[in-house]
Amino acid sequence: MKMHVMYDDSGRIVAAVRLDEGVGSKSSKFGRRLAGVRPVVKPGHACADLDVPAEHAHLSFAEACRRLMVDTKAKGPYLKANDRGC
């Protein structure tokens, strides 16, 4: 699963959009795909397009938003398990 996430300085996900949803379909049930919809970045937040790690691939989109966080201390932002609790 690929997600566009907006996160705060601590790495907590504050908004997200699933980027790969509807892959292979031409439109949503509403008649058009909303792949271009993205959260608006606010001061103190950052955004990134990130892949959910393979060990968390079983999570639904909502669970991934709750259980994962963005690690910003590595060579680039990536999603990891939220070790601080939900």
N, C-alpha and C. Protein backbone atom coordinates (compact mmCIF):
# COMPACT_ATOMS: atom_id res chain seq x y z
N MET A 1 0.87 -1.17 0.00
CA MET A 1 0.00 0.00 0.00
C MET A 1 0.91 1.23 0.00
N LYS A 2 0.56 2.20 -0.78
CA LYS A 2 1.29 3.46 -0.83
C LYS A 2 0.37 4.55 -0.29
N MET A 3 0.95 5.41 0.57
CA MET A 3 0.16 6.45 1.22
C MET A 3 0.86 7.80 1.09
N HIS A 4 0.06 8.84 0.98
CA HIS A 4 0.56 10.20 1.12
C HIS A 4 0.18 10.61 2.52
N VAL A 5 1.18 10.90 3.37
CA VAL A 5 0.90 11.22 4.76
C VAL A 5 1.38 12.61 5.13
N MET A 6 0.60 13.28 5.95
CA MET A 6 1.02 14.53 6.58
C MET A 6 1.28 14.17 8.04
N TYR A 7 2.43 14.59 8.56
CA TYR A 7 2.82 14.22 9.91
C TYR A 7 3.42 15.40 10.65
N ASP A 8 3.38 15.31 11.98
CA ASP A 8 3.93 16.39 12.81
C ASP A 8 5.39 16.11 13.14
N ASP A 9 5.99 16.97 13.94
CA ASP A 9 7.42 16.86 14.27
C ASP A 9 7.77 15.55 14.98
N SER A 10 6.80 14.97 15.69
CA SER A 10 7.05 13.72 16.40
C SER A 10 6.86 12.50 15.51
N GLY A 11 6.38 12.69 14.27
CA GLY A 11 6.15 11.57 13.36
C GLY A 11 4.73 11.04 13.38
N ARG A 12 3.87 11.64 14.20
CA ARG A 12 2.47 11.19 14.28
C ARG A 12 1.75 11.57 12.99
N ILE A 13 1.05 10.62 12.41
CA ILE A 13 0.27 10.86 11.18
C ILE A 13 -0.96 11.66 11.55
N VAL A 14 -1.13 12.83 10.94
CA VAL A 14 -2.29 13.68 11.24
C VAL A 14 -3.29 13.69 10.09
N ALA A 15 -2.87 13.27 8.90
CA ALA A 15 -3.77 13.14 7.75
C ALA A 15 -3.10 12.22 6.74
N ALA A 16 -3.91 11.49 5.99
CA ALA A 16 -3.34 10.57 5.00
C ALA A 16 -4.34 10.30 3.89
N VAL A 17 -3.79 9.94 2.74
CA VAL A 17 -4.57 9.54 1.58
C VAL A 17 -3.91 8.29 1.02
N ARG A 18 -4.71 7.29 0.69
CA ARG A 18 -4.16 6.09 0.07
C ARG A 18 -3.97 6.38 -1.41
N LEU A 19 -2.75 6.20 -1.90
CA LEU A 19 -2.44 6.54 -3.28
C LEU A 19 -2.71 5.41 -4.26
N ASP A 20 -2.65 4.18 -3.81
CA ASP A 20 -2.83 3.06 -4.73
C ASP A 20 -4.25 2.51 -4.75
N GLU A 21 -5.17 3.13 -4.06
CA GLU A 21 -6.56 2.66 -4.03
C GLU A 21 -7.17 2.85 -5.42
N GLY A 22 -7.86 1.85 -5.88
CA GLY A 22 -8.51 1.95 -7.18
C GLY A 22 -7.58 1.73 -8.35
N VAL A 23 -6.37 1.21 -8.09
CA VAL A 23 -5.45 0.95 -9.18
C VAL A 23 -6.10 -0.03 -10.14
N GLY A 24 -6.08 0.31 -11.40
CA GLY A 24 -6.68 -0.55 -12.41
C GLY A 24 -8.11 -0.19 -12.73
N SER A 25 -8.74 0.66 -11.94
CA SER A 25 -10.10 1.08 -12.24
C SER A 25 -10.05 2.48 -12.83
N LYS A 26 -11.02 2.77 -13.67
CA LYS A 26 -11.03 4.06 -14.35
C LYS A 26 -11.73 5.14 -13.55
N SER A 27 -12.61 4.75 -12.65
CA SER A 27 -13.31 5.76 -11.87
C SER A 27 -13.79 5.16 -10.56
N SER A 28 -14.12 6.02 -9.64
CA SER A 28 -14.66 5.58 -8.37
C SER A 28 -16.16 5.42 -8.51
N LYS A 29 -16.82 5.03 -7.44
CA LYS A 29 -18.27 4.89 -7.49
C LYS A 29 -18.95 6.24 -7.69
N PHE A 30 -18.20 7.33 -7.50
CA PHE A 30 -18.75 8.67 -7.68
C PHE A 30 -18.50 9.20 -9.10
N GLY A 31 -17.88 8.38 -9.94
CA GLY A 31 -17.70 8.77 -11.33
C GLY A 31 -16.34 9.32 -11.68
N ARG A 32 -15.48 9.58 -10.70
CA ARG A 32 -14.14 10.05 -11.01
C ARG A 32 -13.19 9.63 -9.90
N ARG A 33 -11.94 9.46 -10.25
CA ARG A 33 -10.93 9.10 -9.27
C ARG A 33 -10.45 10.35 -8.57
N LEU A 34 -10.15 10.22 -7.31
CA LEU A 34 -9.70 11.36 -6.52
C LEU A 34 -8.23 11.23 -6.15
N ALA A 35 -7.43 10.65 -7.05
CA ALA A 35 -6.02 10.41 -6.77
C ALA A 35 -5.25 11.69 -6.52
N GLY A 36 -5.73 12.83 -7.00
CA GLY A 36 -5.02 14.07 -6.81
C GLY A 36 -5.31 14.76 -5.50
N VAL A 37 -6.23 14.23 -4.70
CA VAL A 37 -6.58 14.85 -3.42
C VAL A 37 -5.44 14.62 -2.43
N ARG A 38 -4.97 15.69 -1.81
CA ARG A 38 -3.88 15.60 -0.83
C ARG A 38 -4.18 16.54 0.33
N PRO A 39 -3.72 16.19 1.54
CA PRO A 39 -3.89 17.11 2.67
C PRO A 39 -3.10 18.39 2.43
N VAL A 40 -3.61 19.49 2.95
CA VAL A 40 -2.92 20.77 2.84
C VAL A 40 -1.96 20.88 4.02
N VAL A 41 -0.69 21.09 3.72
CA VAL A 41 0.33 21.16 4.76
C VAL A 41 0.16 22.42 5.60
N LYS A 42 0.21 22.24 6.90
CA LYS A 42 0.09 23.35 7.85
C LYS A 42 1.45 23.57 8.51
N PRO A 43 1.67 24.74 9.09
CA PRO A 43 2.94 24.98 9.78
C PRO A 43 3.20 23.92 10.84
N GLY A 44 4.42 23.44 10.91
CA GLY A 44 4.78 22.41 11.88
C GLY A 44 4.55 20.99 11.38
N HIS A 45 4.06 20.85 10.14
CA HIS A 45 3.82 19.54 9.56
C HIS A 45 4.65 19.38 8.28
N ALA A 46 4.80 18.13 7.86
CA ALA A 46 5.49 17.81 6.62
C ALA A 46 4.69 16.71 5.93
N CYS A 47 4.93 16.51 4.64
CA CYS A 47 4.24 15.48 3.86
C CYS A 47 5.24 14.61 3.12
N ALA A 48 4.84 13.38 2.85
CA ALA A 48 5.66 12.47 2.06
C ALA A 48 4.80 11.36 1.49
N ASP A 49 5.19 10.84 0.34
CA ASP A 49 4.58 9.65 -0.25
C ASP A 49 5.40 8.46 0.23
N LEU A 50 4.77 7.54 0.97
CA LEU A 50 5.50 6.45 1.61
C LEU A 50 4.81 5.12 1.37
N ASP A 51 5.61 4.06 1.30
CA ASP A 51 5.09 2.70 1.19
C ASP A 51 4.94 2.11 2.59
N VAL A 52 3.86 1.37 2.80
CA VAL A 52 3.68 0.64 4.06
C VAL A 52 4.65 -0.55 4.00
N PRO A 53 5.48 -0.74 5.03
CA PRO A 53 6.44 -1.85 5.03
C PRO A 53 5.74 -3.20 4.90
N ALA A 54 6.43 -4.16 4.30
CA ALA A 54 5.86 -5.49 4.04
C ALA A 54 5.33 -6.14 5.31
N GLU A 55 6.01 -5.94 6.45
CA GLU A 55 5.56 -6.58 7.68
C GLU A 55 4.24 -6.00 8.20
N HIS A 56 3.80 -4.88 7.63
CA HIS A 56 2.53 -4.26 8.01
C HIS A 56 1.52 -4.27 6.86
N ALA A 57 1.80 -5.03 5.82
CA ALA A 57 0.94 -5.06 4.64
C ALA A 57 -0.46 -5.60 4.93
N HIS A 58 -0.62 -6.34 6.00
CA HIS A 58 -1.93 -6.92 6.35
C HIS A 58 -2.88 -5.87 6.94
N LEU A 59 -2.37 -4.70 7.33
CA LEU A 59 -3.21 -3.67 7.95
C LEU A 59 -4.11 -3.00 6.92
N SER A 60 -5.31 -2.65 7.35
CA SER A 60 -6.19 -1.84 6.50
C SER A 60 -5.64 -0.42 6.51
N PHE A 61 -6.14 0.42 5.62
CA PHE A 61 -5.69 1.82 5.56
C PHE A 61 -5.88 2.51 6.92
N ALA A 62 -7.06 2.35 7.52
CA ALA A 62 -7.35 2.99 8.80
C ALA A 62 -6.42 2.47 9.90
N GLU A 63 -6.18 1.16 9.93
CA GLU A 63 -5.28 0.60 10.93
C GLU A 63 -3.85 1.11 10.73
N ALA A 64 -3.43 1.21 9.49
CA ALA A 64 -2.08 1.72 9.20
C ALA A 64 -1.93 3.15 9.73
N CYS A 65 -2.96 3.96 9.56
CA CYS A 65 -2.91 5.34 10.05
C CYS A 65 -2.80 5.39 11.57
N ARG A 66 -3.43 4.45 12.26
CA ARG A 66 -3.40 4.42 13.72
C ARG A 66 -2.13 3.77 14.27
N ARG A 67 -1.68 2.72 13.62
CA ARG A 67 -0.59 1.91 14.18
C ARG A 67 0.81 2.29 13.70
N LEU A 68 0.89 3.09 12.65
CA LEU A 68 2.21 3.45 12.12
C LEU A 68 2.52 4.91 12.38
N MET A 69 3.79 5.24 12.30
CA MET A 69 4.23 6.62 12.42
C MET A 69 5.37 6.84 11.42
N VAL A 70 5.74 8.08 11.22
CA VAL A 70 6.80 8.41 10.28
C VAL A 70 8.10 8.59 11.07
N ASP A 71 9.12 7.86 10.67
CA ASP A 71 10.44 8.04 11.26
C ASP A 71 11.18 9.04 10.39
N THR A 72 11.54 10.17 10.96
CA THR A 72 12.20 11.23 10.20
C THR A 72 13.69 11.30 10.50
N LYS A 73 14.19 10.44 11.37
CA LYS A 73 15.60 10.50 11.75
C LYS A 73 16.48 9.64 10.86
N ALA A 74 15.91 8.88 9.98
CA ALA A 74 16.68 8.03 9.07
C ALA A 74 17.14 8.86 7.87
N LYS A 75 17.68 8.19 6.87
CA LYS A 75 18.15 8.89 5.67
C LYS A 75 17.01 9.49 4.86
N GLY A 76 15.83 9.13 5.16
CA GLY A 76 14.64 9.69 4.52
C GLY A 76 13.43 9.24 5.33
N PRO A 77 12.32 9.94 5.25
CA PRO A 77 11.16 9.50 6.04
C PRO A 77 10.67 8.13 5.59
N TYR A 78 10.25 7.32 6.57
CA TYR A 78 9.65 6.02 6.26
C TYR A 78 8.66 5.68 7.37
N LEU A 79 7.74 4.77 7.07
CA LEU A 79 6.73 4.34 8.04
C LEU A 79 7.28 3.21 8.89
N LYS A 80 7.00 3.27 10.18
CA LYS A 80 7.40 2.21 11.12
C LYS A 80 6.30 2.06 12.15
N ALA A 81 6.40 1.00 12.94
CA ALA A 81 5.42 0.74 14.00
C ALA A 81 5.48 1.89 15.01
N ASN A 82 4.31 2.29 15.49
CA ASN A 82 4.21 3.35 16.48
C ASN A 82 4.51 2.74 17.83
N ASP A 83 5.73 2.93 18.32
CA ASP A 83 6.12 2.33 19.59
C ASP A 83 5.69 3.15 20.80
N ARG A 84 5.03 4.28 20.58
CA ARG A 84 4.55 5.12 21.68
C ARG A 84 3.10 4.84 22.04
N GLY A 85 2.47 3.91 21.36
CA GLY A 85 1.05 3.65 21.60
C GLY A 85 0.19 4.54 20.73
N CYS A 86 -1.09 4.24 20.69
CA CYS A 86 -2.01 4.98 19.81
C CYS A 86 -2.59 6.19 20.49
